[in-house]
């Protein structure tokens, strides 16, 4: 298939490359010259603009930071949706408000463009390995049409429901992820402050009732897991500000349906404090720094 891939950041870049390596004719585009250069160096053709990227394509995939970027790209005065012929497949893998995804799906339906919201989980490692989890909202026949593409980027594909359902599933997942990362960081910081070896404590908790994804795949304590961002000064990975955005979306959704999410609200406030302290660009596991006691003197 001829595919336009818009958004070549930490997640989008590897996803586009996996489609390219699978034999699809992919043209990528990003506002960041560095992101484009990185993908170009690995053989991905780069289009001069988003408008140029979508010319003659069978499918468009986007991976953008927030709702406003998706709306501006597709639904603005010069939005790309107006350039797509009927029958085009549009897969938006951004994590955005479910209301925006529904709005995009409705606009696509009016033009005969098949739209799916398909946010992902699995981190940058999953994006590179092609083992992401897709949480898909939209019509089942459209998902089946998209499945051959999604399978080149992910190992797990779930149909969450109608338009916007993928986004709702994603923010539920990420709210839980934010909460469990804070709890894991607190527990590790407490143990280390009391003289425990973080490697030993991590293994004890991993194999006990406190076991969770952070301990298995993404340990927040430096020196414990060499594949985690903590081993790289929290560079790369899933940024604190992105987690803060997702936790904000979860709170907006909770307010709309009058759901009680006290831990989700607390997690959002803690990540906001962490961001305000200057750590917004660091991986979200750097929340350890917020709960870690200062080193003892003397």
C-alpha atoms as a PDB file:
ATOM      1  CA  UNK A   1       0.000   0.000   0.000  1.00  0.00           C
ATOM      2  CA  UNK A   2       0.945   3.629  -0.461  1.00  0.00           C
ATOM      3  CA  UNK A   3       1.000   5.186   2.988  1.00  0.00           C
ATOM      4  CA  UNK A   4       1.518   8.718   4.256  1.00  0.00           C
ATOM      5  CA  UNK A   5       2.890   8.707   7.804  1.00  0.00           C
ATOM      6  CA  UNK A   6       2.591  12.053   9.589  1.00  0.00           C
ATOM      7  CA  UNK A   7       4.563  12.433  12.825  1.00  0.00           C
ATOM      8  CA  UNK A   8       7.987  10.800  13.002  1.00  0.00           C
ATOM      9  CA  UNK A   9       8.859  11.279  16.669  1.00  0.00           C
ATOM     10  CA  UNK A  10      10.018   8.696  19.202  1.00  0.00           C
ATOM     11  CA  UNK A  11       6.981   6.527  18.465  1.00  0.00           C
ATOM     12  CA  UNK A  12       5.951   7.475  14.947  1.00  0.00           C
ATOM     13  CA  UNK A  13       9.404   7.171  13.419  1.00  0.00           C
ATOM     14  CA  UNK A  14       9.926   3.494  14.306  1.00  0.00           C
ATOM     15  CA  UNK A  15       6.322   2.690  13.356  1.00  0.00           C
ATOM     16  CA  UNK A  16       6.789   4.232   9.907  1.00  0.00           C
ATOM     17  CA  UNK A  17      10.076   2.394   9.456  1.00  0.00           C
ATOM     18  CA  UNK A  18       8.460  -0.942  10.290  1.00  0.00           C
ATOM     19  CA  UNK A  19       5.852  -0.365   7.590  1.00  0.00           C
ATOM     20  CA  UNK A  20       8.625   0.618   5.165  1.00  0.00           C
ATOM     21  CA  UNK A  21      10.639  -2.497   6.003  1.00  0.00           C
ATOM     22  CA  UNK A  22       7.525  -4.625   5.465  1.00  0.00           C
ATOM     23  CA  UNK A  23       7.471  -3.504   1.833  1.00  0.00           C
ATOM     24  CA  UNK A  24       4.872  -0.743   1.873  1.00  0.00           C
ATOM     25  CA  UNK A  25       5.481   2.479  -0.041  1.00  0.00           C
ATOM     26  CA  UNK A  26       5.691   4.914   2.864  1.00  0.00           C
ATOM     27  CA  UNK A  27       6.273   8.653   2.719  1.00  0.00           C
ATOM     28  CA  UNK A  28       6.950  10.281   6.068  1.00  0.00           C
ATOM     29  CA  UNK A  29       6.710  13.880   7.191  1.00  0.00           C
ATOM     30  CA  UNK A  30       7.370  15.774  10.409  1.00  0.00           C
ATOM     31  CA  UNK A  31       7.870  19.405  11.409  1.00  0.00           C
ATOM     32  CA  UNK A  32      11.138  18.387  13.074  1.00  0.00           C
ATOM     33  CA  UNK A  33      14.048  18.341  10.628  1.00  0.00           C
ATOM     34  CA  UNK A  34      15.989  16.113  13.046  1.00  0.00           C
ATOM     35  CA  UNK A  35      13.193  13.518  13.090  1.00  0.00           C
ATOM     36  CA  UNK A  36      13.019  13.545   9.299  1.00  0.00           C
ATOM     37  CA  UNK A  37      16.790  13.230   8.978  1.00  0.00           C
ATOM     38  CA  UNK A  38      16.860  10.268  11.362  1.00  0.00           C
ATOM     39  CA  UNK A  39      14.232   8.368   9.386  1.00  0.00           C
ATOM     40  CA  UNK A  40      15.746   9.355   6.050  1.00  0.00           C
ATOM     41  CA  UNK A  41      19.073   7.929   7.190  1.00  0.00           C
ATOM     42  CA  UNK A  42      17.320   4.586   7.691  1.00  0.00           C
ATOM     43  CA  UNK A  43      15.866   4.621   4.194  1.00  0.00           C
ATOM     44  CA  UNK A  44      12.427   6.150   4.720  1.00  0.00           C
ATOM     45  CA  UNK A  45      11.381   8.570   1.935  1.00  0.00           C
ATOM     46  CA  UNK A  46      10.495  11.995   3.349  1.00  0.00           C
ATOM     47  CA  UNK A  47       7.847  14.215   1.760  1.00  0.00           C
ATOM     48  CA  UNK A  48       8.322  18.022   1.665  1.00  0.00           C
ATOM     49  CA  UNK A  49       4.941  18.601   3.338  1.00  0.00           C
ATOM     50  CA  UNK A  50       1.934  16.784   4.728  1.00  0.00           C
ATOM     51  CA  UNK A  51      -0.074  17.788   1.663  1.00  0.00           C
ATOM     52  CA  UNK A  52       2.553  16.256  -0.595  1.00  0.00           C
ATOM     53  CA  UNK A  53       2.741  13.135   1.551  1.00  0.00           C
ATOM     54  CA  UNK A  54      -0.950  12.313   1.141  1.00  0.00           C
ATOM     55  CA  UNK A  55      -1.068  12.707  -2.647  1.00  0.00           C
ATOM     56  CA  UNK A  56      -2.058   9.412  -4.228  1.00  0.00           C
ATOM     57  CA  UNK A  57      -1.973   7.438  -0.964  1.00  0.00           C
ATOM     58  CA  UNK A  58      -4.204   4.541   0.015  1.00  0.00           C
ATOM     59  CA  UNK A  59      -3.825   5.181   3.743  1.00  0.00           C
ATOM     60  CA  UNK A  60      -2.801   7.988   6.076  1.00  0.00           C
ATOM     61  CA  UNK A  61      -1.427   7.306   9.552  1.00  0.00           C
ATOM     62  CA  UNK A  62      -0.829  10.090  12.054  1.00  0.00           C
ATOM     63  CA  UNK A  63       1.007  10.147  15.368  1.00  0.00           C
ATOM     64  CA  UNK A  64       0.746  13.653  16.815  1.00  0.00           C
ATOM     65  CA  UNK A  65       1.127  15.160  20.296  1.00  0.00           C
ATOM     66  CA  UNK A  66      -2.375  16.436  21.139  1.00  0.00           C
ATOM     67  CA  UNK A  67      -5.967  17.054  20.045  1.00  0.00           C
ATOM     68  CA  UNK A  68      -5.280  20.526  18.708  1.00  0.00           C
ATOM     69  CA  UNK A  69      -2.608  19.210  16.371  1.00  0.00           C
ATOM     70  CA  UNK A  70      -4.922  16.541  14.963  1.00  0.00           C
ATOM     71  CA  UNK A  71      -7.751  19.025  14.457  1.00  0.00           C
ATOM     72  CA  UNK A  72      -5.458  21.578  12.806  1.00  0.00           C
ATOM     73  CA  UNK A  73      -3.965  18.957  10.490  1.00  0.00           C
ATOM     74  CA  UNK A  74      -7.181  17.326   9.313  1.00  0.00           C
ATOM     75  CA  UNK A  75     -10.070  19.675  10.113  1.00  0.00           C
ATOM     76  CA  UNK A  76      -8.659  23.182   9.767  1.00  0.00           C
ATOM     77  CA  UNK A  77      -9.451  25.594   6.946  1.00  0.00           C
ATOM     78  CA  UNK A  78      -6.867  23.836   4.774  1.00  0.00           C
ATOM     79  CA  UNK A  79      -7.229  20.490   6.527  1.00  0.00           C
ATOM     80  CA  UNK A  80      -5.911  17.357   4.889  1.00  0.00           C
ATOM     81  CA  UNK A  81      -9.274  15.623   5.146  1.00  0.00           C
ATOM     82  CA  UNK A  82     -10.473  17.788   2.280  1.00  0.00           C
ATOM     83  CA  UNK A  83      -7.622  16.483   0.110  1.00  0.00           C
ATOM     84  CA  UNK A  84      -8.326  12.795   0.687  1.00  0.00           C
ATOM     85  CA  UNK A  85     -10.464  10.992  -1.891  1.00  0.00           C
ATOM     86  CA  UNK A  86     -13.351   8.793  -0.854  1.00  0.00           C
ATOM     87  CA  UNK A  87     -12.128   5.348   0.113  1.00  0.00           C
ATOM     88  CA  UNK A  88      -8.935   6.514   1.801  1.00  0.00           C
ATOM     89  CA  UNK A  89      -8.125   4.822   5.117  1.00  0.00           C
ATOM     90  CA  UNK A  90      -7.192   7.214   7.927  1.00  0.00           C
ATOM     91  CA  UNK A  91      -5.649   5.802  11.117  1.00  0.00           C
ATOM     92  CA  UNK A  92      -4.910   8.286  13.878  1.00  0.00           C
ATOM     93  CA  UNK A  93      -2.593   6.781  16.498  1.00  0.00           C
ATOM     94  CA  UNK A  94      -2.252   9.983  18.507  1.00  0.00           C
ATOM     95  CA  UNK A  95      -3.456   9.962  22.114  1.00  0.00           C
ATOM     96  CA  UNK A  96      -6.122  12.664  22.144  1.00  0.00           C
ATOM     97  CA  UNK A  97      -9.571  13.419  23.526  1.00  0.00           C
ATOM     98  CA  UNK A  98     -12.206  10.875  22.538  1.00  0.00           C
ATOM     99  CA  UNK A  99     -14.444  13.773  21.478  1.00  0.00           C
ATOM    100  CA  UNK A 100     -11.849  14.856  18.920  1.00  0.00           C
ATOM    101  CA  UNK A 101     -11.649  11.322  17.524  1.00  0.00           C
ATOM    102  CA  UNK A 102     -15.422  11.200  17.189  1.00  0.00           C
ATOM    103  CA  UNK A 103     -15.388  14.581  15.465  1.00  0.00           C
ATOM    104  CA  UNK A 104     -12.754  13.368  13.012  1.00  0.00           C
ATOM    105  CA  UNK A 105     -14.681  10.150  12.346  1.00  0.00           C
ATOM    106  CA  UNK A 106     -17.875  12.079  11.634  1.00  0.00           C
ATOM    107  CA  UNK A 107     -16.075  14.421   9.236  1.00  0.00           C
ATOM    108  CA  UNK A 108     -14.445  11.454   7.531  1.00  0.00           C
ATOM    109  CA  UNK A 109     -17.759   9.646   7.173  1.00  0.00           C
ATOM    110  CA  UNK A 110     -19.226  12.702   5.429  1.00  0.00           C
ATOM    111  CA  UNK A 111     -16.428  12.523   2.845  1.00  0.00           C
ATOM    112  CA  UNK A 112     -16.334   8.748   2.475  1.00  0.00           C
ATOM    113  CA  UNK A 113     -13.004   8.477   4.325  1.00  0.00           C
ATOM    114  CA  UNK A 114     -12.756   5.511   6.715  1.00  0.00           C
ATOM    115  CA  UNK A 115     -11.387   6.712  10.077  1.00  0.00           C
ATOM    116  CA  UNK A 116     -10.043   4.761  13.040  1.00  0.00           C
ATOM    117  CA  UNK A 117      -8.666   6.051  16.321  1.00  0.00           C
ATOM    118  CA  UNK A 118      -5.858   3.645  17.198  1.00  0.00           C
ATOM    119  CA  UNK A 119      -3.675   4.894  20.055  1.00  0.00           C
ATOM    120  CA  UNK A 120      -0.889   2.600  21.200  1.00  0.00           C
ATOM    121  CA  UNK A 121       0.817   1.248  24.283  1.00  0.00           C
ATOM    122  CA  UNK A 122       4.227  -0.359  24.558  1.00  0.00           C
ATOM    123  CA  UNK A 123       6.662   2.528  24.625  1.00  0.00           C
ATOM    124  CA  UNK A 124       9.508   3.302  22.273  1.00  0.00           C
ATOM    125  CA  UNK A 125      10.872  -0.220  22.683  1.00  0.00           C
ATOM    126  CA  UNK A 126       7.597  -1.653  21.428  1.00  0.00           C
ATOM    127  CA  UNK A 127       7.532   0.820  18.551  1.00  0.00           C
ATOM    128  CA  UNK A 128      11.000  -0.265  17.428  1.00  0.00           C
ATOM    129  CA  UNK A 129      10.300  -3.982  17.887  1.00  0.00           C
ATOM    130  CA  UNK A 130       6.875  -3.821  16.248  1.00  0.00           C
ATOM    131  CA  UNK A 131       5.194  -5.219  19.347  1.00  0.00           C
ATOM    132  CA  UNK A 132       2.874  -2.333  20.214  1.00  0.00           C
ATOM    133  CA  UNK A 133      -0.654  -2.785  21.519  1.00  0.00           C
ATOM    134  CA  UNK A 134      -3.302  -0.971  19.465  1.00  0.00           C
ATOM    135  CA  UNK A 135      -6.566   0.085  21.105  1.00  0.00           C
ATOM    136  CA  UNK A 136      -8.898   0.729  18.214  1.00  0.00           C
ATOM    137  CA  UNK A 137     -12.100   2.706  17.971  1.00  0.00           C
ATOM    138  CA  UNK A 138     -14.244   2.616  14.843  1.00  0.00           C
ATOM    139  CA  UNK A 139     -16.260   0.239  12.687  1.00  0.00           C
ATOM    140  CA  UNK A 140     -15.225  -3.421  12.675  1.00  0.00           C
ATOM    141  CA  UNK A 141     -14.988  -3.706   8.846  1.00  0.00           C
ATOM    142  CA  UNK A 142     -12.633  -0.721   8.771  1.00  0.00           C
ATOM    143  CA  UNK A 143     -10.463  -2.345  11.430  1.00  0.00           C
ATOM    144  CA  UNK A 144     -10.219  -5.508   9.340  1.00  0.00           C
ATOM    145  CA  UNK A 145      -9.119  -3.393   6.410  1.00  0.00           C
ATOM    146  CA  UNK A 146      -6.466  -1.750   8.575  1.00  0.00           C
ATOM    147  CA  UNK A 147      -5.347  -4.912  10.354  1.00  0.00           C
ATOM    148  CA  UNK A 148      -2.594  -5.862   7.848  1.00  0.00           C
ATOM    149  CA  UNK A 149      -0.949  -2.478   8.500  1.00  0.00           C
ATOM    150  CA  UNK A 150      -1.420  -2.557  12.258  1.00  0.00           C
ATOM    151  CA  UNK A 151       0.076  -6.048  12.405  1.00  0.00           C
ATOM    152  CA  UNK A 152       3.333  -4.716  10.953  1.00  0.00           C
ATOM    153  CA  UNK A 153       3.597  -2.287  13.869  1.00  0.00           C
ATOM    154  CA  UNK A 154       2.034  -4.161  16.762  1.00  0.00           C
ATOM    155  CA  UNK A 155       1.555  -7.575  18.339  1.00  0.00           C
ATOM    156  CA  UNK A 156      -1.805  -6.923  20.014  1.00  0.00           C
ATOM    157  CA  UNK A 157      -4.824  -5.335  18.345  1.00  0.00           C
ATOM    158  CA  UNK A 158      -7.987  -4.743  20.371  1.00  0.00           C
ATOM    159  CA  UNK A 159     -11.286  -3.412  19.058  1.00  0.00           C
ATOM    160  CA  UNK A 160     -12.483  -1.254  21.942  1.00  0.00           C
ATOM    161  CA  UNK A 161     -15.736  -0.155  20.293  1.00  0.00           C
ATOM    162  CA  UNK A 162     -17.018   2.700  18.158  1.00  0.00           C
ATOM    163  CA  UNK A 163     -15.304   5.958  17.270  1.00  0.00           C
ATOM    164  CA  UNK A 164     -13.455   7.376  20.274  1.00  0.00           C
ATOM    165  CA  UNK A 165     -13.451   4.076  22.199  1.00  0.00           C
ATOM    166  CA  UNK A 166      -9.770   3.511  21.481  1.00  0.00           C
ATOM    167  CA  UNK A 167      -8.931   6.841  23.081  1.00  0.00           C
ATOM    168  CA  UNK A 168     -11.018   6.065  26.157  1.00  0.00           C
ATOM    169  CA  UNK A 169      -9.243   2.726  26.589  1.00  0.00           C
ATOM    170  CA  UNK A 170      -5.860   4.424  26.183  1.00  0.00           C
ATOM    171  CA  UNK A 171      -6.437   7.100  28.827  1.00  0.00           C
ATOM    172  CA  UNK A 172      -7.709   4.462  31.279  1.00  0.00           C
ATOM    173  CA  UNK A 173      -4.538   2.483  30.679  1.00  0.00           C
ATOM    174  CA  UNK A 174      -2.253   5.492  30.998  1.00  0.00           C
ATOM    175  CA  UNK A 175      -3.962   6.730  34.141  1.00  0.00           C
ATOM    176  CA  UNK A 176      -3.214   3.357  35.716  1.00  0.00           C
ATOM    177  CA  UNK A 177       0.347   3.484  34.358  1.00  0.00           C
ATOM    178  CA  UNK A 178       0.944   6.900  35.902  1.00  0.00           C
ATOM    179  CA  UNK A 179      -0.397   5.743  39.261  1.00  0.00           C
ATOM    180  CA  UNK A 180       1.619   2.512  39.345  1.00  0.00           C
ATOM    181  CA  UNK A 181       4.834   4.269  38.282  1.00  0.00           C
ATOM    182  CA  UNK A 182       4.511   6.717  41.174  1.00  0.00           C
ATOM    183  CA  UNK A 183       3.813   3.856  43.588  1.00  0.00           C
ATOM    184  CA  UNK A 184       6.765   1.864  42.279  1.00  0.00           C
ATOM    185  CA  UNK A 185       9.070   4.874  42.558  1.00  0.00           C
ATOM    186  CA  UNK A 186       7.884   5.551  46.120  1.00  0.00           C
ATOM    187  CA  UNK A 187       8.488   1.968  47.199  1.00  0.00           C
ATOM    188  CA  UNK A 188      11.967   1.830  45.661  1.00  0.00           C
ATOM    189  CA  UNK A 189      12.928   5.218  47.105  1.00  0.00           C
ATOM    190  CA  UNK A 190      11.742   4.112  50.570  1.00  0.00           C
ATOM    191  CA  UNK A 191      13.712   0.890  50.412  1.00  0.00           C
ATOM    192  CA  UNK A 192      16.914   2.555  49.201  1.00  0.00           C
ATOM    193  CA  UNK A 193      16.617   5.259  51.886  1.00  0.00           C
ATOM    194  CA  UNK A 194      16.557   2.426  54.421  1.00  0.00           C
ATOM    195  CA  UNK A 195      19.687   0.834  53.017  1.00  0.00           C
ATOM    196  CA  UNK A 196      18.277  -1.798  50.666  1.00  0.00           C
ATOM    197  CA  UNK A 197      19.918  -2.678  47.361  1.00  0.00           C
ATOM    198  CA  UNK A 198      17.508  -1.419  44.650  1.00  0.00           C
ATOM    199  CA  UNK A 199      18.286  -4.422  42.430  1.00  0.00           C
ATOM    200  CA  UNK A 200      17.416  -6.870  45.210  1.00  0.00           C
ATOM    201  CA  UNK A 201      14.323  -4.938  46.282  1.00  0.00           C
ATOM    202  CA  UNK A 202      13.109  -4.703  42.696  1.00  0.00           C
ATOM    203  CA  UNK A 203      13.392  -8.451  42.256  1.00  0.00           C
ATOM    204  CA  UNK A 204      11.628  -9.135  45.563  1.00  0.00           C
ATOM    205  CA  UNK A 205       8.698  -6.900  44.623  1.00  0.00           C
ATOM    206  CA  UNK A 206       8.636  -8.128  41.022  1.00  0.00           C
ATOM    207  CA  UNK A 207       8.095 -11.694  42.216  1.00  0.00           C
ATOM    208  CA  UNK A 208       5.693 -10.729  45.003  1.00  0.00           C
ATOM    209  CA  UNK A 209       2.243  -9.176  45.209  1.00  0.00           C
ATOM    210  CA  UNK A 210       3.637  -5.747  44.283  1.00  0.00           C
ATOM    211  CA  UNK A 211       4.777  -6.989  40.873  1.00  0.00           C
ATOM    212  CA  UNK A 212       3.830  -4.720  37.961  1.00  0.00           C
ATOM    213  CA  UNK A 213       4.834  -3.587  34.458  1.00  0.00           C
ATOM    214  CA  UNK A 214       7.245  -0.927  35.735  1.00  0.00           C
ATOM    215  CA  UNK A 215       9.227  -3.527  37.674  1.00  0.00           C
ATOM    216  CA  UNK A 216       9.129  -5.953  34.735  1.00  0.00           C
ATOM    217  CA  UNK A 217       9.985  -3.597  31.874  1.00  0.00           C
ATOM    218  CA  UNK A 218      10.622  -0.014  32.973  1.00  0.00           C
ATOM    219  CA  UNK A 219      12.278   0.222  36.362  1.00  0.00           C
ATOM    220  CA  UNK A 220      12.526   3.887  37.425  1.00  0.00           C
ATOM    221  CA  UNK A 221      15.640   3.433  39.602  1.00  0.00           C
ATOM    222  CA  UNK A 222      18.957   4.112  37.813  1.00  0.00           C
ATOM    223  CA  UNK A 223      21.335   1.175  37.690  1.00  0.00           C
ATOM    224  CA  UNK A 224      18.707  -1.549  37.939  1.00  0.00           C
ATOM    225  CA  UNK A 225      17.554  -2.093  34.356  1.00  0.00           C
ATOM    226  CA  UNK A 226      19.924  -1.158  31.537  1.00  0.00           C
ATOM    227  CA  UNK A 227      17.161  -1.104  28.920  1.00  0.00           C
ATOM    228  CA  UNK A 228      15.028   1.433  30.801  1.00  0.00           C
ATOM    229  CA  UNK A 229      15.266   5.224  30.353  1.00  0.00           C
ATOM    230  CA  UNK A 230      16.492   5.492  33.955  1.00  0.00           C
ATOM    231  CA  UNK A 231      19.783   4.020  32.717  1.00  0.00           C
ATOM    232  CA  UNK A 232      20.116   6.904  30.225  1.00  0.00           C
ATOM    233  CA  UNK A 233      19.434   9.801  32.558  1.00  0.00           C
ATOM    234  CA  UNK A 234      15.733   9.447  31.696  1.00  0.00           C
ATOM    235  CA  UNK A 235      16.371  10.548  28.108  1.00  0.00           C
ATOM    236  CA  UNK A 236      13.964   9.418  25.387  1.00  0.00           C
ATOM    237  CA  UNK A 237      11.039   7.196  26.213  1.00  0.00           C
ATOM    238  CA  UNK A 238       7.635   8.638  27.137  1.00  0.00           C
ATOM    239  CA  UNK A 239       7.982  12.205  28.340  1.00  0.00           C
ATOM    240  CA  UNK A 240       6.678  13.569  31.630  1.00  0.00           C
ATOM    241  CA  UNK A 241       4.696  16.235  29.773  1.00  0.00           C
ATOM    242  CA  UNK A 242       3.050  13.567  27.606  1.00  0.00           C
ATOM    243  CA  UNK A 243       2.043  11.623  30.711  1.00  0.00           C
ATOM    244  CA  UNK A 244       0.742  14.858  32.203  1.00  0.00           C
ATOM    245  CA  UNK A 245      -1.336  15.437  29.067  1.00  0.00           C
ATOM    246  CA  UNK A 246      -2.821  11.938  29.228  1.00  0.00           C
ATOM    247  CA  UNK A 247      -3.632  12.237  32.913  1.00  0.00           C
ATOM    248  CA  UNK A 248      -5.354  15.526  32.119  1.00  0.00           C
ATOM    249  CA  UNK A 249      -7.433  13.807  29.441  1.00  0.00           C
ATOM    250  CA  UNK A 250      -8.399  11.153  31.978  1.00  0.00           C
ATOM    251  CA  UNK A 251      -9.574  13.816  34.412  1.00  0.00           C
ATOM    252  CA  UNK A 252     -11.587  15.569  31.697  1.00  0.00           C
ATOM    253  CA  UNK A 253     -13.236  12.269  30.834  1.00  0.00           C
ATOM    254  CA  UNK A 254     -13.944  11.541  34.501  1.00  0.00           C
ATOM    255  CA  UNK A 255     -15.527  14.952  34.983  1.00  0.00           C
ATOM    256  CA  UNK A 256     -17.743  14.451  31.938  1.00  0.00           C
ATOM    257  CA  UNK A 257     -19.237  11.215  33.289  1.00  0.00           C
ATOM    258  CA  UNK A 258     -18.967  12.071  37.013  1.00  0.00           C
ATOM    259  CA  UNK A 259     -16.541   9.216  37.677  1.00  0.00           C
ATOM    260  CA  UNK A 260     -14.425   9.206  40.844  1.00  0.00           C
ATOM    261  CA  UNK A 261     -10.688   8.997  40.043  1.00  0.00           C
ATOM    262  CA  UNK A 262      -8.945  10.255  43.188  1.00  0.00           C
ATOM    263  CA  UNK A 263      -5.643   8.475  42.502  1.00  0.00           C
ATOM    264  CA  UNK A 264      -5.704   9.610  38.886  1.00  0.00           C
ATOM    265  CA  UNK A 265      -6.201  13.196  40.047  1.00  0.00           C
ATOM    266  CA  UNK A 266      -3.364  12.932  42.539  1.00  0.00           C
ATOM    267  CA  UNK A 267      -1.091  11.417  39.896  1.00  0.00           C
ATOM    268  CA  UNK A 268      -1.860  14.304  37.574  1.00  0.00           C
ATOM    269  CA  UNK A 269      -0.969  16.845  40.264  1.00  0.00           C
ATOM    270  CA  UNK A 270       2.298  15.071  41.081  1.00  0.00           C
ATOM    271  CA  UNK A 271       3.314  14.960  37.423  1.00  0.00           C
ATOM    272  CA  UNK A 272       2.380  18.631  37.092  1.00  0.00           C
ATOM    273  CA  UNK A 273       4.690  19.469  40.019  1.00  0.00           C
ATOM    274  CA  UNK A 274       7.432  17.342  38.460  1.00  0.00           C
ATOM    275  CA  UNK A 275       7.045  19.173  35.150  1.00  0.00           C
ATOM    276  CA  UNK A 276       7.057  22.586  36.814  1.00  0.00           C
ATOM    277  CA  UNK A 277      10.316  21.597  38.504  1.00  0.00           C
ATOM    278  CA  UNK A 278      11.892  21.436  35.054  1.00  0.00           C
ATOM    279  CA  UNK A 279      11.554  17.738  34.252  1.00  0.00           C
ATOM    280  CA  UNK A 280       8.864  17.887  31.570  1.00  0.00           C
ATOM    281  CA  UNK A 281      11.134  16.610  28.803  1.00  0.00           C
ATOM    282  CA  UNK A 282      12.436  13.664  30.826  1.00  0.00           C
ATOM    283  CA  UNK A 283      10.866  10.222  30.700  1.00  0.00           C
ATOM    284  CA  UNK A 284       7.880   9.859  33.009  1.00  0.00           C
ATOM    285  CA  UNK A 285       9.745   7.340  35.170  1.00  0.00           C
ATOM    286  CA  UNK A 286      11.870  10.277  36.355  1.00  0.00           C
ATOM    287  CA  UNK A 287       9.013  10.907  38.812  1.00  0.00           C
ATOM    288  CA  UNK A 288      11.385   9.001  41.115  1.00  0.00           C
ATOM    289  CA  UNK A 289      13.226  12.289  41.576  1.00  0.00           C
ATOM    290  CA  UNK A 290      10.107  13.881  43.036  1.00  0.00           C
ATOM    291  CA  UNK A 291       9.716  11.243  45.760  1.00  0.00           C
ATOM    292  CA  UNK A 292      13.362  10.398  46.390  1.00  0.00           C
ATOM    293  CA  UNK A 293      14.723  11.824  49.658  1.00  0.00           C
ATOM    294  CA  UNK A 294      17.867  13.959  49.358  1.00  0.00           C
ATOM    295  CA  UNK A 295      21.153  12.149  50.046  1.00  0.00           C
ATOM    296  CA  UNK A 296      22.260  12.135  53.642  1.00  0.00           C
ATOM    297  CA  UNK A 297      25.114  14.426  54.624  1.00  0.00           C
ATOM    298  CA  UNK A 298      28.136  13.311  56.525  1.00  0.00           C
END
